[in-house]
Amino acid sequence: MDMDIQDKKIELIQWLSTLDDKSIIEKIMKLRESEKVDWWENISNQEKKSIEQGMEDAASGRMKPHSEAKKLYGKWL
């Protein structure tokens, strides 16, 4: 039987609250820290430049209406 995400979270919380093994707790803490990595650091320079260009375009008012973007990119949405 497949548990939903809320049930899994509760089970993990209950298990963690009874855990006394310091090495497992340290592994969990390292996992938690690794999840805090800034996504910006994990994208390519080309992706960063594209985002920055989009932000500059938006700040300068060089934008297309939503309806036009939907026509262009609708097949991927």
N, C-alpha and C. Protein backbone atom coordinates (compact mmCIF):
# COMPACT_ATOMS: atom_id res chain seq x y z
N MET A 1 0.84 -1.18 0.00
CA MET A 1 0.00 0.00 0.00
C MET A 1 0.89 1.25 0.00
N ASP A 2 0.62 2.15 -0.91
CA ASP A 2 1.43 3.35 -1.06
C ASP A 2 0.89 4.45 -0.14
N MET A 3 1.77 4.95 0.76
CA MET A 3 1.35 6.00 1.68
C MET A 3 1.42 7.35 0.99
N ASP A 4 0.51 8.24 1.35
CA ASP A 4 0.60 9.57 0.79
C ASP A 4 1.70 10.34 1.53
N ILE A 5 2.06 11.49 1.01
CA ILE A 5 3.19 12.25 1.53
C ILE A 5 3.01 12.66 2.99
N GLN A 6 1.79 13.02 3.38
CA GLN A 6 1.56 13.43 4.77
C GLN A 6 1.78 12.28 5.73
N ASP A 7 1.33 11.09 5.35
CA ASP A 7 1.55 9.91 6.19
C ASP A 7 3.04 9.60 6.32
N LYS A 8 3.76 9.77 5.23
CA LYS A 8 5.21 9.52 5.25
C LYS A 8 5.92 10.52 6.16
N LYS A 9 5.50 11.77 6.11
CA LYS A 9 6.10 12.79 6.97
C LYS A 9 5.86 12.46 8.44
N ILE A 10 4.65 12.09 8.76
CA ILE A 10 4.31 11.75 10.14
C ILE A 10 5.13 10.56 10.61
N GLU A 11 5.24 9.55 9.77
CA GLU A 11 6.03 8.38 10.13
C GLU A 11 7.49 8.75 10.37
N LEU A 12 8.04 9.61 9.51
CA LEU A 12 9.43 10.04 9.70
C LEU A 12 9.60 10.86 10.98
N ILE A 13 8.67 11.73 11.27
CA ILE A 13 8.73 12.53 12.50
C ILE A 13 8.70 11.63 13.72
N GLN A 14 7.80 10.67 13.70
CA GLN A 14 7.71 9.74 14.84
C GLN A 14 9.00 8.95 15.00
N TRP A 15 9.54 8.46 13.89
CA TRP A 15 10.79 7.69 13.94
C TRP A 15 11.94 8.56 14.44
N LEU A 16 12.03 9.78 13.91
CA LEU A 16 13.10 10.69 14.29
C LEU A 16 13.04 11.05 15.77
N SER A 17 11.84 11.19 16.30
CA SER A 17 11.69 11.58 17.71
C SER A 17 12.18 10.49 18.66
N THR A 18 12.28 9.26 18.19
CA THR A 18 12.74 8.17 19.05
C THR A 18 14.19 7.77 18.75
N LEU A 19 14.80 8.39 17.78
CA LEU A 19 16.13 8.02 17.31
C LEU A 19 17.21 8.47 18.28
N ASP A 20 18.13 7.57 18.62
CA ASP A 20 19.24 7.89 19.50
C ASP A 20 20.60 7.74 18.81
N ASP A 21 20.60 7.26 17.60
CA ASP A 21 21.85 7.02 16.87
C ASP A 21 22.37 8.35 16.29
N LYS A 22 23.46 8.85 16.89
CA LYS A 22 24.00 10.15 16.49
C LYS A 22 24.47 10.16 15.04
N SER A 23 25.00 9.06 14.56
CA SER A 23 25.50 9.04 13.18
C SER A 23 24.36 9.20 12.18
N ILE A 24 23.23 8.60 12.45
CA ILE A 24 22.08 8.75 11.55
C ILE A 24 21.55 10.18 11.62
N ILE A 25 21.51 10.74 12.81
CA ILE A 25 21.06 12.13 12.97
C ILE A 25 21.98 13.07 12.19
N GLU A 26 23.29 12.84 12.26
CA GLU A 26 24.25 13.66 11.52
C GLU A 26 24.04 13.53 10.01
N LYS A 27 23.77 12.32 9.53
CA LYS A 27 23.50 12.11 8.11
C LYS A 27 22.25 12.87 7.68
N ILE A 28 21.24 12.86 8.51
CA ILE A 28 20.00 13.58 8.20
C ILE A 28 20.26 15.09 8.18
N MET A 29 21.07 15.56 9.11
CA MET A 29 21.40 16.99 9.14
C MET A 29 22.18 17.40 7.88
N LYS A 30 23.10 16.55 7.43
CA LYS A 30 23.86 16.84 6.20
C LYS A 30 22.93 16.86 5.00
N LEU A 31 22.00 15.93 4.95
CA LEU A 31 21.02 15.91 3.87
C LEU A 31 20.21 17.19 3.87
N ARG A 32 19.78 17.60 5.04
CA ARG A 32 19.00 18.84 5.17
C ARG A 32 19.79 20.04 4.68
N GLU A 33 21.07 20.12 5.04
CA GLU A 33 21.91 21.23 4.61
C GLU A 33 22.10 21.22 3.09
N SER A 34 22.24 20.03 2.52
CA SER A 34 22.44 19.94 1.07
C SER A 34 21.20 20.40 0.31
N GLU A 35 20.04 20.33 0.93
CA GLU A 35 18.80 20.76 0.30
C GLU A 35 18.67 22.28 0.29
N LYS A 36 19.50 22.97 1.04
CA LYS A 36 19.44 24.42 1.13
C LYS A 36 20.28 25.10 0.05
N VAL A 37 20.87 24.34 -0.84
CA VAL A 37 21.72 24.91 -1.88
C VAL A 37 20.90 25.84 -2.77
N ASP A 38 21.47 26.98 -3.05
CA ASP A 38 20.81 27.98 -3.89
C ASP A 38 20.77 27.49 -5.33
N TRP A 39 19.59 27.41 -5.91
CA TRP A 39 19.44 26.91 -7.28
C TRP A 39 20.24 27.73 -8.27
N TRP A 40 20.45 29.01 -7.98
CA TRP A 40 21.20 29.88 -8.88
C TRP A 40 22.61 29.33 -9.12
N GLU A 41 23.17 28.72 -8.10
CA GLU A 41 24.52 28.17 -8.21
C GLU A 41 24.57 26.90 -9.06
N ASN A 42 23.44 26.31 -9.34
CA ASN A 42 23.38 25.04 -10.06
C ASN A 42 22.93 25.18 -11.51
N ILE A 43 22.77 26.41 -11.99
CA ILE A 43 22.36 26.58 -13.38
C ILE A 43 23.55 27.10 -14.18
N SER A 44 23.48 26.93 -15.49
CA SER A 44 24.60 27.33 -16.36
C SER A 44 24.68 28.85 -16.49
N ASN A 45 25.84 29.31 -16.95
CA ASN A 45 26.01 30.75 -17.20
C ASN A 45 25.04 31.23 -18.25
N GLN A 46 24.77 30.41 -19.26
CA GLN A 46 23.81 30.77 -20.30
C GLN A 46 22.42 30.97 -19.70
N GLU A 47 22.01 30.08 -18.79
CA GLU A 47 20.71 30.22 -18.13
C GLU A 47 20.66 31.49 -17.28
N LYS A 48 21.76 31.76 -16.57
CA LYS A 48 21.82 32.98 -15.75
C LYS A 48 21.69 34.23 -16.62
N LYS A 49 22.41 34.26 -17.75
CA LYS A 49 22.34 35.40 -18.65
C LYS A 49 20.93 35.59 -19.20
N SER A 50 20.27 34.47 -19.52
CA SER A 50 18.91 34.54 -20.04
C SER A 50 17.95 35.11 -19.00
N ILE A 51 18.08 34.69 -17.77
CA ILE A 51 17.23 35.20 -16.69
C ILE A 51 17.50 36.68 -16.47
N GLU A 52 18.78 37.04 -16.43
CA GLU A 52 19.13 38.45 -16.23
C GLU A 52 18.60 39.32 -17.37
N GLN A 53 18.67 38.82 -18.60
CA GLN A 53 18.14 39.56 -19.75
C GLN A 53 16.62 39.73 -19.61
N GLY A 54 15.95 38.68 -19.19
CA GLY A 54 14.51 38.76 -18.98
C GLY A 54 14.14 39.77 -17.92
N MET A 55 14.93 39.82 -16.85
CA MET A 55 14.67 40.79 -15.79
C MET A 55 14.91 42.22 -16.29
N GLU A 56 15.96 42.41 -17.10
CA GLU A 56 16.22 43.73 -17.67
C GLU A 56 15.09 44.14 -18.62
N ASP A 57 14.63 43.19 -19.44
CA ASP A 57 13.53 43.47 -20.35
C ASP A 57 12.27 43.88 -19.58
N ALA A 58 11.98 43.16 -18.52
CA ALA A 58 10.79 43.46 -17.72
C ALA A 58 10.91 44.84 -17.07
N ALA A 59 12.09 45.14 -16.54
CA ALA A 59 12.29 46.44 -15.90
C ALA A 59 12.18 47.58 -16.89
N SER A 60 12.51 47.32 -18.15
CA SER A 60 12.45 48.35 -19.19
C SER A 60 11.11 48.38 -19.92
N GLY A 61 10.20 47.50 -19.54
CA GLY A 61 8.89 47.48 -20.16
C GLY A 61 8.83 46.73 -21.47
N ARG A 62 9.91 46.01 -21.81
CA ARG A 62 9.93 45.23 -23.05
C ARG A 62 9.35 43.84 -22.78
N MET A 63 8.02 43.78 -22.72
CA MET A 63 7.34 42.53 -22.42
C MET A 63 6.26 42.27 -23.45
N LYS A 64 5.89 41.01 -23.57
CA LYS A 64 4.79 40.60 -24.46
C LYS A 64 3.58 40.29 -23.59
N PRO A 65 2.39 40.48 -24.11
CA PRO A 65 1.19 40.14 -23.33
C PRO A 65 1.10 38.62 -23.11
N HIS A 66 0.43 38.24 -22.05
CA HIS A 66 0.27 36.83 -21.70
C HIS A 66 -0.31 36.03 -22.86
N SER A 67 -1.28 36.60 -23.56
CA SER A 67 -1.93 35.89 -24.67
C SER A 67 -0.92 35.54 -25.77
N GLU A 68 0.02 36.43 -26.02
CA GLU A 68 1.03 36.15 -27.04
C GLU A 68 2.02 35.07 -26.57
N ALA A 69 2.41 35.14 -25.33
CA ALA A 69 3.30 34.12 -24.78
C ALA A 69 2.62 32.75 -24.79
N LYS A 70 1.34 32.75 -24.48
CA LYS A 70 0.58 31.49 -24.47
C LYS A 70 0.55 30.87 -25.86
N LYS A 71 0.41 31.70 -26.90
CA LYS A 71 0.42 31.20 -28.27
C LYS A 71 1.78 30.58 -28.60
N LEU A 72 2.85 31.25 -28.20
CA LEU A 72 4.19 30.77 -28.50
C LEU A 72 4.56 29.50 -27.76
N TYR A 73 4.22 29.45 -26.47
CA TYR A 73 4.69 28.37 -25.61
C TYR A 73 3.60 27.40 -25.17
N GLY A 74 2.40 27.58 -25.66
CA GLY A 74 1.26 26.75 -25.26
C GLY A 74 1.48 25.27 -25.43
N LYS A 75 2.19 24.89 -26.47
CA LYS A 75 2.37 23.44 -26.73
C LYS A 75 3.25 22.79 -25.67
N TRP A 76 4.01 23.56 -24.90
CA TRP A 76 4.85 22.99 -23.84
C TRP A 76 4.20 23.09 -22.46
N LEU A 77 3.09 23.77 -22.39
CA LEU A 77 2.45 23.95 -21.08
C LEU A 77 1.38 22.92 -20.83
